[in-house]
C-alpha cells in the first residue's frame, strides 16, 4: 500500500462537502497578510502608548529599516530557536505517549519544558557566556537588546515563521497523516491551517516543541528585558511592572510545568501545523502578549497599593479557575478512578469516552476559558486606564475564546453525535454559570 493510500485511509477529506473555517480561502489569505502588519503596528502602539492612525508614521517607526540590524536579529532568533532545540534534545526528560492518532498509533514526546524554562532563566540572569579581553566570562545576558530592537525582532520572527510555514507545507506532501481541517485542496487555506497533523524529524516533534518552547519562554525574556529597561530609565521598577512579570511569568511557568497536558488539546490532536499555529506560537504570542510590559516602560500609571492588591486578587481568581479546571480534566482523562476525581459525575458516551458533568466542568463547558480570560484582564489592568493599547489582549482574547469555543462545539458534535446534545442539556452554560 502506498503512502498516499495510507494517508487517504487514515485522515483524508471526507466524501461530504468540506467545511471551511476562518472565512475560507479568502479569510485565510487576508489573515496571512494582515497578522504580520497587526503585530508590527501593535509593537509601535505600545512604544508610543496610544493608537496612531498615520500609516506612514507606523511604517517608518515600527522597525529600524536597517538591513544589517534585521539580519542580526534574524540570526539571533535562529540561534535562540536552536538553543531551545538543544535543551529539548539533551536535557533529561520524561517520555510520554500522546493521544491516539487516526491510524491508531500513539506518538512519544520528550517532556522537559519545565527544566528548559529554568535553564534558560539561569543562563539569561547569571550564566550567559561573554568573551572579554580574550577570556570567557559568565554574567547576565544583554537583555536590553530585546528592548532596543523590539520591532526588528518582531519583523525577524515574521520572516522566520513564514519560511518555516512554507517548508512545513511542502513537507506535508510526503506525510503519512494529514489534518482533516487542513486538507481542503485549496493551497492558501491548507497553508494557513496546516496540512500535516504531526510533522516530525525523527523523534523531534515540530508542533509540540513550537507550541511551548521558543515563543512562550521568549515572551518571559521580553518581559524581563522591559523590566530592566524601566529600571534603567526610572532608577527603580514599578509595582505594575513587577506584577505583570509575575503574572505572565507564572502563566509561562505553569504551561511548561503542565507540558504533558497539552498532548490532549485540540492544537495537538486535531489541528495541522501550518501558518496559523507557527505564527501564533512564535510571533503572535511573544510580541503581542508582551505589549503590557513594553507599554509600562514609558507609560507606567503609578498605581497605588490598594489598586495593585485588587488586581492581584483578580489574577488569583482567574488562575484558580483556570488551573483548577484544567488539572481536574487532565487528572480525569488519565485515571477516572483516581482519588481526586473518582467522586465526579460524568456522561458515558456511545463512543466509549466520558464527559465530566460535575466539579468545575459541571459549572460551564468552557469554564477554563473564563479563568484564562480573567487572568488576561488582570495583565491589562496593571497598565491603568489611560490607553486602550494594553487592553488589546483582553479584547482580542475574548473574541478568540468565543470563536474557539464554537469550533470546539462543532468538533465535539461531530465526535460525539447526539451525546453532545445530551451533554449540553446537562451543562447548559458555556462560560459563566447561570449567565452564558
Foldseek 3Di string as FASTA:
>chain_A
DDLVVLQCVQAEADPDDADAPCVHLVSLVCCLVCVLVVLLQLQQCLQVVAHDPDVVCSVPPSFPPDPVVLVVLLVVLVVLVVLLVCCQPPPQFDWDWFDQGSVRDTAIGGQDLLVSLVVVVCQQAWAPWDADPNDTDGGHHPLLVCLVGVSSNLVSLSVVLVVVLVVQLVVLVSENYFFNNLNNVDVSSNQRQATRQFDDDVNRTPQLSLQQHQQLSLLLSSLVSLQVLLCVVPVHGALLSVVLSVLSVVVNSVCSVPSSLCSPDCSRHHTHDHSNRSCCRHNVRNSQVNSLSSNCSPQQPRDDPVLSVVLVVLLVQLVCQQVVVSVQVSVCVVPCCDPVRVVFDWDQAPVGDTHTCDDSCVQAVPQNLLSVLSSQVSNLPSRPDPYCSSVPCSVVSVVVVVVVLVVVLVVVCVVRPVVSVVSCVSRVHHHGGPPD
